[in-house]
Amino acid sequence: MAYLTRIAPPTVSVVTRVGHAHLGEFGSVENIAQAKGEIVEALPDASDGGLAVLNGDDVSVAAMASRTGALVLTYGIDGPADVRAEDVTVDELGRAGFRLVHDGQAAEVRLRLYGLH
């Protein structure tokens, strides 16, 4: 990731999850977290427009906040987060709905996609 961020420096990065999908390439979940965190490290500082959007429900992702000088915005359902999905439901067709909460404001959201995203 560090190599790729030198080729195309990001100003915004979104890290959704550290899972097992890349175990064959990286050997361990810890190595996956290290590699994914390199995109967060490559962000410019907040004063230069850097923004890291991190899943606050994934401990490995949330820990990446300490690896950047960019503005960090967390999102989640279960843990503390800047942007939250509350009262998540799934309708009879398998589409999720929830109340989106941020900075004291809320909006109802109904996805047209199937499954929890």
PDB file of N, CA and C in Angstrom:
ATOM      1  N   MET A   1       0.822  -1.192   0.000  1.00  0.00           N
ATOM      2  CA  MET A   1       0.000   0.000   0.000  1.00  0.00           C
ATOM      3  C   MET A   1       0.869   1.259   0.000  1.00  0.00           C
ATOM      4  N   ALA A   2       1.952   1.246   0.763  1.00  0.00           N
ATOM      5  CA  ALA A   2       2.818   2.430   0.812  1.00  0.00           C
ATOM      6  C   ALA A   2       3.328   2.767  -0.586  1.00  0.00           C
ATOM      7  N   TYR A   3       3.709   1.756  -1.346  1.00  0.00           N
ATOM      8  CA  TYR A   3       4.185   1.966  -2.709  1.00  0.00           C
ATOM      9  C   TYR A   3       3.087   2.602  -3.563  1.00  0.00           C
ATOM     10  N   LEU A   4       1.883   2.072  -3.480  1.00  0.00           N
ATOM     11  CA  LEU A   4       0.782   2.596  -4.276  1.00  0.00           C
ATOM     12  C   LEU A   4       0.417   4.023  -3.886  1.00  0.00           C
ATOM     13  N   THR A   5       0.508   4.353  -2.606  1.00  0.00           N
ATOM     14  CA  THR A   5       0.156   5.717  -2.186  1.00  0.00           C
ATOM     15  C   THR A   5       1.218   6.731  -2.610  1.00  0.00           C
ATOM     16  N   ARG A   6       2.423   6.260  -2.909  1.00  0.00           N
ATOM     17  CA  ARG A   6       3.434   7.181  -3.472  1.00  0.00           C
ATOM     18  C   ARG A   6       3.124   7.461  -4.939  1.00  0.00           C
ATOM     19  N   ILE A   7       2.562   6.475  -5.634  1.00  0.00           N
ATOM     20  CA  ILE A   7       2.188   6.655  -7.042  1.00  0.00           C
ATOM     21  C   ILE A   7       0.969   7.563  -7.159  1.00  0.00           C
ATOM     22  N   ALA A   8      -0.040   7.320  -6.325  1.00  0.00           N
ATOM     23  CA  ALA A   8      -1.291   8.087  -6.349  1.00  0.00           C
ATOM     24  C   ALA A   8      -1.629   8.498  -4.919  1.00  0.00           C
ATOM     25  N   PRO A   9      -1.064   9.615  -4.451  1.00  0.00           N
ATOM     26  CA  PRO A   9      -1.295  10.037  -3.062  1.00  0.00           C
ATOM     27  C   PRO A   9      -2.765  10.338  -2.788  1.00  0.00           C
ATOM     28  N   PRO A  10      -3.340   9.682  -1.779  1.00  0.00           N
ATOM     29  CA  PRO A  10      -4.746   9.932  -1.452  1.00  0.00           C
ATOM     30  C   PRO A  10      -4.913  11.189  -0.611  1.00  0.00           C
ATOM     31  N   THR A  11      -6.092  11.775  -0.665  1.00  0.00           N
ATOM     32  CA  THR A  11      -6.456  12.836   0.277  1.00  0.00           C
ATOM     33  C   THR A  11      -7.549  12.345   1.213  1.00  0.00           C
ATOM     34  N   VAL A  12      -8.290  11.329   0.778  1.00  0.00           N
ATOM     35  CA  VAL A  12      -9.337  10.705   1.587  1.00  0.00           C
ATOM     36  C   VAL A  12      -9.140   9.201   1.499  1.00  0.00           C
ATOM     37  N   SER A  13      -9.262   8.524   2.632  1.00  0.00           N
ATOM     38  CA  SER A  13      -9.263   7.062   2.599  1.00  0.00           C
ATOM     39  C   SER A  13     -10.391   6.555   3.475  1.00  0.00           C
ATOM     40  N   VAL A  14     -10.971   5.443   3.058  1.00  0.00           N
ATOM     41  CA  VAL A  14     -12.030   4.770   3.807  1.00  0.00           C
ATOM     42  C   VAL A  14     -11.539   3.355   4.085  1.00  0.00           C
ATOM     43  N   VAL A  15     -11.463   3.000   5.360  1.00  0.00           N
ATOM     44  CA  VAL A  15     -11.069   1.637   5.723  1.00  0.00           C
ATOM     45  C   VAL A  15     -12.277   1.003   6.399  1.00  0.00           C
ATOM     46  N   THR A  16     -12.797  -0.040   5.769  1.00  0.00           N
ATOM     47  CA  THR A  16     -14.036  -0.651   6.238  1.00  0.00           C
ATOM     48  C   THR A  16     -13.816  -1.814   7.193  1.00  0.00           C
ATOM     49  N   ARG A  17     -12.765  -2.620   6.933  1.00  0.00           N
ATOM     50  CA  ARG A  17     -12.625  -3.827   7.738  1.00  0.00           C
ATOM     51  C   ARG A  17     -11.235  -4.413   7.581  1.00  0.00           C
ATOM     52  N   VAL A  18     -10.759  -5.026   8.641  1.00  0.00           N
ATOM     53  CA  VAL A  18      -9.581  -5.880   8.579  1.00  0.00           C
ATOM     54  C   VAL A  18     -10.089  -7.290   8.819  1.00  0.00           C
ATOM     55  N   GLY A  19     -10.063  -8.088   7.776  1.00  0.00           N
ATOM     56  CA  GLY A  19     -10.593  -9.445   7.879  1.00  0.00           C
ATOM     57  C   GLY A  19      -9.572 -10.472   7.441  1.00  0.00           C
ATOM     58  N   HIS A  20     -10.070 -11.583   6.941  1.00  0.00           N
ATOM     59  CA  HIS A  20      -9.212 -12.710   6.578  1.00  0.00           C
ATOM     60  C   HIS A  20      -9.037 -12.873   5.069  1.00  0.00           C
ATOM     61  N   ALA A  21      -9.615 -12.001   4.273  1.00  0.00           N
ATOM     62  CA  ALA A  21      -9.626 -12.177   2.821  1.00  0.00           C
ATOM     63  C   ALA A  21      -8.226 -12.204   2.206  1.00  0.00           C
ATOM     64  N   HIS A  22      -7.274 -11.541   2.809  1.00  0.00           N
ATOM     65  CA  HIS A  22      -5.939 -11.434   2.216  1.00  0.00           C
ATOM     66  C   HIS A  22      -4.885 -12.208   3.002  1.00  0.00           C
ATOM     67  N   LEU A  23      -5.299 -13.190   3.777  1.00  0.00           N
ATOM     68  CA  LEU A  23      -4.341 -13.958   4.585  1.00  0.00           C
ATOM     69  C   LEU A  23      -3.269 -14.615   3.729  1.00  0.00           C
ATOM     70  N   GLY A  24      -3.635 -15.102   2.550  1.00  0.00           N
ATOM     71  CA  GLY A  24      -2.664 -15.756   1.672  1.00  0.00           C
ATOM     72  C   GLY A  24      -1.529 -14.833   1.270  1.00  0.00           C
ATOM     73  N   GLU A  25      -1.834 -13.563   1.056  1.00  0.00           N
ATOM     74  CA  GLU A  25      -0.813 -12.602   0.644  1.00  0.00           C
ATOM     75  C   GLU A  25      -0.018 -12.056   1.824  1.00  0.00           C
ATOM     76  N   PHE A  26      -0.676 -11.888   2.978  1.00  0.00           N
ATOM     77  CA  PHE A  26      -0.040 -11.177   4.093  1.00  0.00           C
ATOM     78  C   PHE A  26       0.326 -12.070   5.275  1.00  0.00           C
ATOM     79  N   GLY A  27      -0.241 -13.254   5.361  1.00  0.00           N
ATOM     80  CA  GLY A  27       0.169 -14.202   6.387  1.00  0.00           C
ATOM     81  C   GLY A  27      -0.523 -14.109   7.731  1.00  0.00           C
ATOM     82  N   SER A  28      -1.022 -12.929   8.101  1.00  0.00           N
ATOM     83  CA  SER A  28      -1.711 -12.783   9.386  1.00  0.00           C
ATOM     84  C   SER A  28      -2.640 -11.579   9.336  1.00  0.00           C
ATOM     85  N   VAL A  29      -3.614 -11.582  10.228  1.00  0.00           N
ATOM     86  CA  VAL A  29      -4.535 -10.446  10.324  1.00  0.00           C
ATOM     87  C   VAL A  29      -3.765  -9.193  10.735  1.00  0.00           C
ATOM     88  N   GLU A  30      -2.768  -9.341  11.588  1.00  0.00           N
ATOM     89  CA  GLU A  30      -1.955  -8.193  12.015  1.00  0.00           C
ATOM     90  C   GLU A  30      -1.221  -7.570  10.829  1.00  0.00           C
ATOM     91  N   ASN A  31      -0.699  -8.413   9.936  1.00  0.00           N
ATOM     92  CA  ASN A  31      -0.021  -7.896   8.748  1.00  0.00           C
ATOM     93  C   ASN A  31      -1.000  -7.200   7.801  1.00  0.00           C
ATOM     94  N   ILE A  32      -2.213  -7.726   7.731  1.00  0.00           N
ATOM     95  CA  ILE A  32      -3.247  -7.075   6.909  1.00  0.00           C
ATOM     96  C   ILE A  32      -3.549  -5.693   7.475  1.00  0.00           C
ATOM     97  N   ALA A  33      -3.712  -5.593   8.784  1.00  0.00           N
ATOM     98  CA  ALA A  33      -3.985  -4.302   9.428  1.00  0.00           C
ATOM     99  C   ALA A  33      -2.834  -3.340   9.195  1.00  0.00           C
ATOM    100  N   GLN A  34      -1.617  -3.825   9.286  1.00  0.00           N
ATOM    101  CA  GLN A  34      -0.454  -2.966   9.049  1.00  0.00           C
ATOM    102  C   GLN A  34      -0.477  -2.414   7.627  1.00  0.00           C
ATOM    103  N   ALA A  35      -0.731  -3.292   6.663  1.00  0.00           N
ATOM    104  CA  ALA A  35      -0.747  -2.870   5.263  1.00  0.00           C
ATOM    105  C   ALA A  35      -1.896  -1.909   4.967  1.00  0.00           C
ATOM    106  N   LYS A  36      -3.082  -2.212   5.461  1.00  0.00           N
ATOM    107  CA  LYS A  36      -4.218  -1.316   5.217  1.00  0.00           C
ATOM    108  C   LYS A  36      -3.999   0.042   5.875  1.00  0.00           C
ATOM    109  N   GLY A  37      -3.327   0.057   7.003  1.00  0.00           N
ATOM    110  CA  GLY A  37      -3.051   1.314   7.697  1.00  0.00           C
ATOM    111  C   GLY A  37      -2.092   2.219   6.946  1.00  0.00           C
ATOM    112  N   GLU A  38      -1.335   1.664   6.021  1.00  0.00           N
ATOM    113  CA  GLU A  38      -0.402   2.491   5.251  1.00  0.00           C
ATOM    114  C   GLU A  38      -1.124   3.538   4.412  1.00  0.00           C
ATOM    115  N   ILE A  39      -2.351   3.254   3.986  1.00  0.00           N
ATOM    116  CA  ILE A  39      -3.107   4.259   3.231  1.00  0.00           C
ATOM    117  C   ILE A  39      -3.509   5.422   4.138  1.00  0.00           C
ATOM    118  N   VAL A  40      -3.768   5.131   5.410  1.00  0.00           N
ATOM    119  CA  VAL A  40      -4.101   6.170   6.378  1.00  0.00           C
ATOM    120  C   VAL A  40      -2.857   7.007   6.690  1.00  0.00           C
ATOM    121  N   GLU A  41      -1.721   6.349   6.800  1.00  0.00           N
ATOM    122  CA  GLU A  41      -0.458   7.054   7.062  1.00  0.00           C
ATOM    123  C   GLU A  41      -0.087   7.991   5.920  1.00  0.00           C
ATOM    124  N   ALA A  42      -0.496   7.656   4.704  1.00  0.00           N
ATOM    125  CA  ALA A  42      -0.141   8.454   3.530  1.00  0.00           C
ATOM    126  C   ALA A  42      -0.983   9.710   3.365  1.00  0.00           C
ATOM    127  N   LEU A  43      -2.030   9.857   4.154  1.00  0.00           N
ATOM    128  CA  LEU A  43      -2.912  11.016   4.019  1.00  0.00           C
ATOM    129  C   LEU A  43      -2.211  12.301   4.448  1.00  0.00           C
ATOM    130  N   PRO A  44      -2.551  13.417   3.798  1.00  0.00           N
ATOM    131  CA  PRO A  44      -2.032  14.696   4.285  1.00  0.00           C
ATOM    132  C   PRO A  44      -2.669  15.051   5.634  1.00  0.00           C
ATOM    133  N   ASP A  45      -2.047  15.960   6.351  1.00  0.00           N
ATOM    134  CA  ASP A  45      -2.609  16.421   7.618  1.00  0.00           C
ATOM    135  C   ASP A  45      -3.987  17.055   7.392  1.00  0.00           C
ATOM    136  N   ALA A  46      -4.737  17.158   8.474  1.00  0.00           N
ATOM    137  CA  ALA A  46      -6.076  17.740   8.406  1.00  0.00           C
ATOM    138  C   ALA A  46      -6.036  19.153   7.822  1.00  0.00           C
ATOM    139  N   SER A  47      -5.017  19.920   8.159  1.00  0.00           N
ATOM    140  CA  SER A  47      -4.917  21.299   7.660  1.00  0.00           C
ATOM    141  C   SER A  47      -4.724  21.345   6.147  1.00  0.00           C
ATOM    142  N   ASP A  48      -4.303  20.227   5.564  1.00  0.00           N
ATOM    143  CA  ASP A  48      -4.124  20.136   4.113  1.00  0.00           C
ATOM    144  C   ASP A  48      -5.216  19.312   3.446  1.00  0.00           C
ATOM    145  N   GLY A  49      -6.311  19.037   4.180  1.00  0.00           N
ATOM    146  CA  GLY A  49      -7.463  18.370   3.600  1.00  0.00           C
ATOM    147  C   GLY A  49      -7.504  16.865   3.732  1.00  0.00           C
ATOM    148  N   GLY A  50      -6.604  16.276   4.504  1.00  0.00           N
ATOM    149  CA  GLY A  50      -6.618  14.824   4.675  1.00  0.00           C
ATOM    150  C   GLY A  50      -7.791  14.366   5.515  1.00  0.00           C
ATOM    151  N   LEU A  51      -8.438  13.284   5.094  1.00  0.00           N
ATOM    152  CA  LEU A  51      -9.588  12.731   5.813  1.00  0.00           C
ATOM    153  C   LEU A  51      -9.503  11.210   5.821  1.00  0.00           C
ATOM    154  N   ALA A  52      -9.532  10.622   7.008  1.00  0.00           N
ATOM    155  CA  ALA A  52      -9.594   9.176   7.179  1.00  0.00           C
ATOM    156  C   ALA A  52     -10.980   8.822   7.702  1.00  0.00           C
ATOM    157  N   VAL A  53     -11.689   7.988   6.970  1.00  0.00           N
ATOM    158  CA  VAL A  53     -13.015   7.516   7.373  1.00  0.00           C
ATOM    159  C   VAL A  53     -12.827   6.073   7.841  1.00  0.00           C
ATOM    160  N   LEU A  54     -13.040   5.845   9.134  1.00  0.00           N
ATOM    161  CA  LEU A  54     -12.697   4.562   9.732  1.00  0.00           C
ATOM    162  C   LEU A  54     -13.894   3.899  10.399  1.00  0.00           C
ATOM    163  N   ASN A  55     -13.993   2.588  10.239  1.00  0.00           N
ATOM    164  CA  ASN A  55     -15.037   1.798  10.873  1.00  0.00           C
ATOM    165  C   ASN A  55     -14.733   1.681  12.363  1.00  0.00           C
ATOM    166  N   GLY A  56     -15.500   2.364  13.179  1.00  0.00           N
ATOM    167  CA  GLY A  56     -15.301   2.349  14.618  1.00  0.00           C
ATOM    168  C   GLY A  56     -15.684   1.039  15.271  1.00  0.00           C
ATOM    169  N   ASP A  57     -16.399   0.167  14.565  1.00  0.00           N
ATOM    170  CA  ASP A  57     -16.801  -1.125  15.106  1.00  0.00           C
ATOM    171  C   ASP A  57     -15.718  -2.193  14.939  1.00  0.00           C
ATOM    172  N   ASP A  58     -14.721  -1.933  14.120  1.00  0.00           N
ATOM    173  CA  ASP A  58     -13.616  -2.870  13.909  1.00  0.00           C
ATOM    174  C   ASP A  58     -12.413  -2.323  14.677  1.00  0.00           C
ATOM    175  N   VAL A  59     -12.009  -3.019  15.715  1.00  0.00           N
ATOM    176  CA  VAL A  59     -10.936  -2.544  16.604  1.00  0.00           C
ATOM    177  C   VAL A  59      -9.652  -2.273  15.832  1.00  0.00           C
ATOM    178  N   SER A  60      -9.314  -3.134  14.885  1.00  0.00           N
ATOM    179  CA  SER A  60      -8.085  -2.947  14.106  1.00  0.00           C
ATOM    180  C   SER A  60      -8.159  -1.706  13.226  1.00  0.00           C
ATOM    181  N   VAL A  61      -9.330  -1.422  12.706  1.00  0.00           N
ATOM    182  CA  VAL A  61      -9.508  -0.226  11.870  1.00  0.00           C
ATOM    183  C   VAL A  61      -9.516   1.028  12.741  1.00  0.00           C
ATOM    184  N   ALA A  62     -10.264   1.012  13.825  1.00  0.00           N
ATOM    185  CA  ALA A  62     -10.330   2.175  14.717  1.00  0.00           C
ATOM    186  C   ALA A  62      -8.948   2.559  15.235  1.00  0.00           C
ATOM    187  N   ALA A  63      -8.082   1.584  15.455  1.00  0.00           N
ATOM    188  CA  ALA A  63      -6.727   1.850  15.956  1.00  0.00           C
ATOM    189  C   ALA A  63      -5.889   2.629  14.954  1.00  0.00           C
ATOM    190  N   MET A  64      -6.276   2.639  13.699  1.00  0.00           N
ATOM    191  CA  MET A  64      -5.531   3.370  12.676  1.00  0.00           C
ATOM    192  C   MET A  64      -5.605   4.882  12.860  1.00  0.00           C
ATOM    193  N   ALA A  65      -6.530   5.358  13.675  1.00  0.00           N
ATOM    194  CA  ALA A  65      -6.670   6.805  13.909  1.00  0.00           C
ATOM    195  C   ALA A  65      -5.368   7.401  14.434  1.00  0.00           C
ATOM    196  N   SER A  66      -4.618   6.636  15.204  1.00  0.00           N
ATOM    197  CA  SER A  66      -3.366   7.146  15.772  1.00  0.00           C
ATOM    198  C   SER A  66      -2.236   7.177  14.755  1.00  0.00           C
ATOM    199  N   ARG A  67      -2.483   6.661  13.569  1.00  0.00           N
ATOM    200  CA  ARG A  67      -1.436   6.580  12.547  1.00  0.00           C
ATOM    201  C   ARG A  67      -1.503   7.702  11.523  1.00  0.00           C
ATOM    202  N   THR A  68      -2.316   8.730  11.782  1.00  0.00           N
ATOM    203  CA  THR A  68      -2.468   9.799  10.800  1.00  0.00           C
ATOM    204  C   THR A  68      -2.637  11.158  11.465  1.00  0.00           C
ATOM    205  N   GLY A  69      -2.252  12.182  10.736  1.00  0.00           N
ATOM    206  CA  GLY A  69      -2.518  13.555  11.156  1.00  0.00           C
ATOM    207  C   GLY A  69      -3.746  14.113  10.458  1.00  0.00           C
ATOM    208  N   ALA A  70      -4.388  13.277   9.642  1.00  0.00           N
ATOM    209  CA  ALA A  70      -5.595  13.685   8.928  1.00  0.00           C
ATOM    210  C   ALA A  70      -6.773  13.777   9.895  1.00  0.00           C
ATOM    211  N   LEU A  71      -7.805  14.467   9.476  1.00  0.00           N
ATOM    212  CA  LEU A  71      -9.063  14.468  10.216  1.00  0.00           C
ATOM    213  C   LEU A  71      -9.604  13.045  10.189  1.00  0.00           C
ATOM    214  N   VAL A  72     -10.048  12.536  11.326  1.00  0.00           N
ATOM    215  CA  VAL A  72     -10.594  11.184  11.408  1.00  0.00           C
ATOM    216  C   VAL A  72     -12.092  11.272  11.678  1.00  0.00           C
ATOM    217  N   LEU A  73     -12.851  10.567  10.857  1.00  0.00           N
ATOM    218  CA  LEU A  73     -14.292  10.464  11.014  1.00  0.00           C
ATOM    219  C   LEU A  73     -14.610   8.981  11.151  1.00  0.00           C
ATOM    220  N   THR A  74     -15.205   8.597  12.275  1.00  0.00           N
ATOM    221  CA  THR A  74     -15.541   7.188  12.472  1.00  0.00           C
ATOM    222  C   THR A  74     -17.026   6.967  12.213  1.00  0.00           C
ATOM    223  N   TYR A  75     -17.336   5.740  11.814  1.00  0.00           N
ATOM    224  CA  TYR A  75     -18.730   5.358  11.622  1.00  0.00           C
ATOM    225  C   TYR A  75     -18.942   3.985  12.247  1.00  0.00           C
ATOM    226  N   GLY A  76     -20.186   3.682  12.587  1.00  0.00           N
ATOM    227  CA  GLY A  76     -20.450   2.367  13.149  1.00  0.00           C
ATOM    228  C   GLY A  76     -21.863   2.182  13.620  1.00  0.00           C
ATOM    229  N   ILE A  77     -22.078   0.991  14.174  1.00  0.00           N
ATOM    230  CA  ILE A  77     -23.371   0.608  14.722  1.00  0.00           C
ATOM    231  C   ILE A  77     -23.243   0.297  16.205  1.00  0.00           C
ATOM    232  N   ASP A  78     -22.225  -0.488  16.558  1.00  0.00           N
ATOM    233  CA  ASP A  78     -22.114  -1.018  17.914  1.00  0.00           C
ATOM    234  C   ASP A  78     -21.304  -0.144  18.873  1.00  0.00           C
ATOM    235  N   GLY A  79     -20.195   0.397  18.423  1.00  0.00           N
ATOM    236  CA  GLY A  79     -19.319   1.156  19.303  1.00  0.00           C
ATOM    237  C   GLY A  79     -19.513   2.645  19.146  1.00  0.00           C
ATOM    238  N   PRO A  80     -18.736   3.417  19.898  1.00  0.00           N
ATOM    239  CA  PRO A  80     -18.818   4.867  19.743  1.00  0.00           C
ATOM    240  C   PRO A  80     -18.321   5.279  18.353  1.00  0.00           C
ATOM    241  N   ALA A  81     -19.017   6.205  17.720  1.00  0.00           N
ATOM    242  CA  ALA A  81     -18.649   6.645  16.375  1.00  0.00           C
ATOM    243  C   ALA A  81     -19.206   8.035  16.123  1.00  0.00           C
ATOM    244  N   ASP A  82     -18.554   8.764  15.207  1.00  0.00           N
ATOM    245  CA  ASP A  82     -19.026  10.106  14.835  1.00  0.00           C
ATOM    246  C   ASP A  82     -20.334  10.029  14.044  1.00  0.00           C
ATOM    247  N   VAL A  83     -20.424   9.049  13.167  1.00  0.00           N
ATOM    248  CA  VAL A  83     -21.623   8.821  12.355  1.00  0.00           C
ATOM    249  C   VAL A  83     -22.133   7.427  12.709  1.00  0.00           C
ATOM    250  N   ARG A  84     -23.407   7.350  13.100  1.00  0.00           N
ATOM    251  CA  ARG A  84     -23.949   6.079  13.588  1.00  0.00           C
ATOM    252  C   ARG A  84     -25.198   5.665  12.822  1.00  0.00           C
ATOM    253  N   ALA A  85     -25.346   4.359  12.680  1.00  0.00           N
ATOM    254  CA  ALA A  85     -26.595   3.789  12.195  1.00  0.00           C
ATOM    255  C   ALA A  85     -27.278   3.196  13.419  1.00  0.00           C
ATOM    256  N   GLU A  86     -28.480   3.686  13.713  1.00  0.00           N
ATOM    257  CA  GLU A  86     -29.231   3.207  14.880  1.00  0.00           C
ATOM    258  C   GLU A  86     -30.547   2.587  14.417  1.00  0.00           C
ATOM    259  N   ASP A  87     -31.090   1.730  15.259  1.00  0.00           N
ATOM    260  CA  ASP A  87     -32.370   1.079  14.984  1.00  0.00           C
ATOM    261  C   ASP A  87     -32.381   0.415  13.602  1.00  0.00           C
ATOM    262  N   VAL A  88     -31.346  -0.376  13.345  1.00  0.00           N
ATOM    263  CA  VAL A  88     -31.220  -1.060  12.056  1.00  0.00           C
ATOM    264  C   VAL A  88     -32.281  -2.157  11.951  1.00  0.00           C
ATOM    265  N   THR A  89     -32.973  -2.161  10.827  1.00  0.00           N
ATOM    266  CA  THR A  89     -33.975  -3.194  10.545  1.00  0.00           C
ATOM    267  C   THR A  89     -33.724  -3.742   9.142  1.00  0.00           C
ATOM    268  N   VAL A  90     -34.291  -4.899   8.872  1.00  0.00           N
ATOM    269  CA  VAL A  90     -34.241  -5.486   7.538  1.00  0.00           C
ATOM    270  C   VAL A  90     -35.675  -5.825   7.151  1.00  0.00           C
ATOM    271  N   ASP A  91     -36.112  -5.363   5.978  1.00  0.00           N
ATOM    272  CA  ASP A  91     -37.494  -5.616   5.566  1.00  0.00           C
ATOM    273  C   ASP A  91     -37.654  -7.031   4.999  1.00  0.00           C
ATOM    274  N   GLU A  92     -38.863  -7.357   4.578  1.00  0.00           N
ATOM    275  CA  GLU A  92     -39.173  -8.705   4.099  1.00  0.00           C
ATOM    276  C   GLU A  92     -38.400  -9.079   2.836  1.00  0.00           C
ATOM    277  N   LEU A  93     -37.849  -8.109   2.136  1.00  0.00           N
ATOM    278  CA  LEU A  93     -37.047  -8.372   0.941  1.00  0.00           C
ATOM    279  C   LEU A  93     -35.545  -8.380   1.246  1.00  0.00           C
ATOM    280  N   GLY A  94     -35.188  -8.212   2.517  1.00  0.00           N
ATOM    281  CA  GLY A  94     -33.781  -8.255   2.907  1.00  0.00           C
ATOM    282  C   GLY A  94     -33.045  -6.940   2.740  1.00  0.00           C
ATOM    283  N   ARG A  95     -33.777  -5.825   2.667  1.00  0.00           N
ATOM    284  CA  ARG A  95     -33.156  -4.506   2.503  1.00  0.00           C
ATOM    285  C   ARG A  95     -33.095  -3.814   3.860  1.00  0.00           C
ATOM    286  N   ALA A  96     -31.960  -3.213   4.148  1.00  0.00           N
ATOM    287  CA  ALA A  96     -31.755  -2.576   5.447  1.00  0.00           C
ATOM    288  C   ALA A  96     -32.334  -1.167   5.485  1.00  0.00           C
ATOM    289  N   GLY A  97     -32.744  -0.783   6.674  1.00  0.00           N
ATOM    290  CA  GLY A  97     -33.155   0.581   6.966  1.00  0.00           C
ATOM    291  C   GLY A  97     -32.599   0.941   8.331  1.00  0.00           C
ATOM    292  N   PHE A  98     -32.396   2.226   8.576  1.00  0.00           N
ATOM    293  CA  PHE A  98     -31.835   2.660   9.850  1.00  0.00           C
ATOM    294  C   PHE A  98     -31.990   4.162  10.010  1.00  0.00           C
ATOM    295  N   ARG A  99     -31.728   4.626  11.218  1.00  0.00           N
ATOM    296  CA  ARG A  99     -31.670   6.070  11.478  1.00  0.00           C
ATOM    297  C   ARG A  99     -30.202   6.454  11.463  1.00  0.00           C
ATOM    298  N   LEU A 100     -29.819   7.365  10.583  1.00  0.00           N
ATOM    299  CA  LEU A 100     -28.455   7.865  10.462  1.00  0.00           C
ATOM    300  C   LEU A 100     -28.314   9.061  11.383  1.00  0.00           C
ATOM    301  N   VAL A 101     -27.350   9.001  12.310  1.00  0.00           N
ATOM    302  CA  VAL A 101     -27.180  10.051  13.308  1.00  0.00           C
ATOM    303  C   VAL A 101     -25.773  10.630  13.209  1.00  0.00           C
ATOM    304  N   HIS A 102     -25.697  11.964  13.152  1.00  0.00           N
ATOM    305  CA  HIS A 102     -24.404  12.658  13.126  1.00  0.00           C
ATOM    306  C   HIS A 102     -24.575  14.071  13.662  1.00  0.00           C
ATOM    307  N   ASP A 103     -23.714  14.424  14.575  1.00  0.00           N
ATOM    308  CA  ASP A 103     -23.637  15.802  15.066  1.00  0.00           C
ATOM    309  C   ASP A 103     -24.991  16.338  15.534  1.00  0.00           C
ATOM    310  N   GLY A 104     -25.737  15.500  16.250  1.00  0.00           N
ATOM    311  CA  GLY A 104     -27.009  15.926  16.806  1.00  0.00           C
ATOM    312  C   GLY A 104     -28.176  15.913  15.844  1.00  0.00           C
ATOM    313  N   GLN A 105     -27.957  15.494  14.623  1.00  0.00           N
ATOM    314  CA  GLN A 105     -29.032  15.428  13.640  1.00  0.00           C
ATOM    315  C   GLN A 105     -29.257  13.982  13.232  1.00  0.00           C
ATOM    316  N   ALA A 106     -30.458  13.674  12.744  1.00  0.00           N
ATOM    317  CA  ALA A 106     -30.790  12.313  12.344  1.00  0.00           C
ATOM    318  C   ALA A 106     -31.627  12.332  11.072  1.00  0.00           C
ATOM    319  N   ALA A 107     -31.486  11.265  10.298  1.00  0.00           N
ATOM    320  CA  ALA A 107     -32.281  11.102   9.078  1.00  0.00           C
ATOM    321  C   ALA A 107     -32.595   9.620   8.908  1.00  0.00           C
ATOM    322  N   GLU A 108     -33.788   9.327   8.443  1.00  0.00           N
ATOM    323  CA  GLU A 108     -34.171   7.948   8.171  1.00  0.00           C
ATOM    324  C   GLU A 108     -33.613   7.532   6.811  1.00  0.00           C
ATOM    325  N   VAL A 109     -33.061   6.320   6.754  1.00  0.00           N
ATOM    326  CA  VAL A 109     -32.463   5.802   5.526  1.00  0.00           C
ATOM    327  C   VAL A 109     -33.070   4.434   5.234  1.00  0.00           C
ATOM    328  N   ARG A 110     -33.438   4.202   4.000  1.00  0.00           N
ATOM    329  CA  ARG A 110     -33.915   2.891   3.555  1.00  0.00           C
ATOM    330  C   ARG A 110     -33.103   2.539   2.316  1.00  0.00           C
ATOM    331  N   LEU A 111     -32.297   1.477   2.390  1.00  0.00           N
ATOM    332  CA  LEU A 111     -31.468   1.071   1.258  1.00  0.00           C
ATOM    333  C   LEU A 111     -32.276   0.238   0.269  1.00  0.00           C
ATOM    334  N   ARG A 112     -31.925   0.325  -0.985  1.00  0.00           N
ATOM    335  CA  ARG A 112     -32.560  -0.494  -2.008  1.00  0.00           C
ATOM    336  C   ARG A 112     -31.740  -1.754  -2.275  1.00  0.00           C
ATOM    337  N   LEU A 113     -30.595  -1.865  -1.611  1.00  0.00           N
ATOM    338  CA  LEU A 113     -29.713  -3.014  -1.764  1.00  0.00           C
ATOM    339  C   LEU A 113     -30.133  -4.125  -0.811  1.00  0.00           C
ATOM    340  N   TYR A 114     -29.867  -5.351  -1.183  1.00  0.00           N
ATOM    341  CA  TYR A 114     -30.187  -6.483  -0.337  1.00  0.00           C
ATOM    342  C   TYR A 114     -29.038  -6.740   0.623  1.00  0.00           C
ATOM    343  N   GLY A 115     -29.356  -7.010   1.872  1.00  0.00           N
ATOM    344  CA  GLY A 115     -28.351  -7.343   2.880  1.00  0.00           C
ATOM    345  C   GLY A 115     -27.951  -6.150   3.737  1.00  0.00           C
ATOM    346  N   LEU A 116     -27.248  -6.476   4.795  1.00  0.00           N
ATOM    347  CA  LEU A 116     -26.726  -5.424   5.680  1.00  0.00           C
ATOM    348  C   LEU A 116     -25.406  -4.928   5.117  1.00  0.00           C
ATOM    349  N   HIS A 117     -25.286  -3.648   4.910  1.00  0.00           N
ATOM    350  CA  HIS A 117     -24.069  -3.074   4.358  1.00  0.00           C
ATOM    351  C   HIS A 117     -23.475  -2.139   5.364  1.00  0.00           C
TER     352      HIS A 117
END
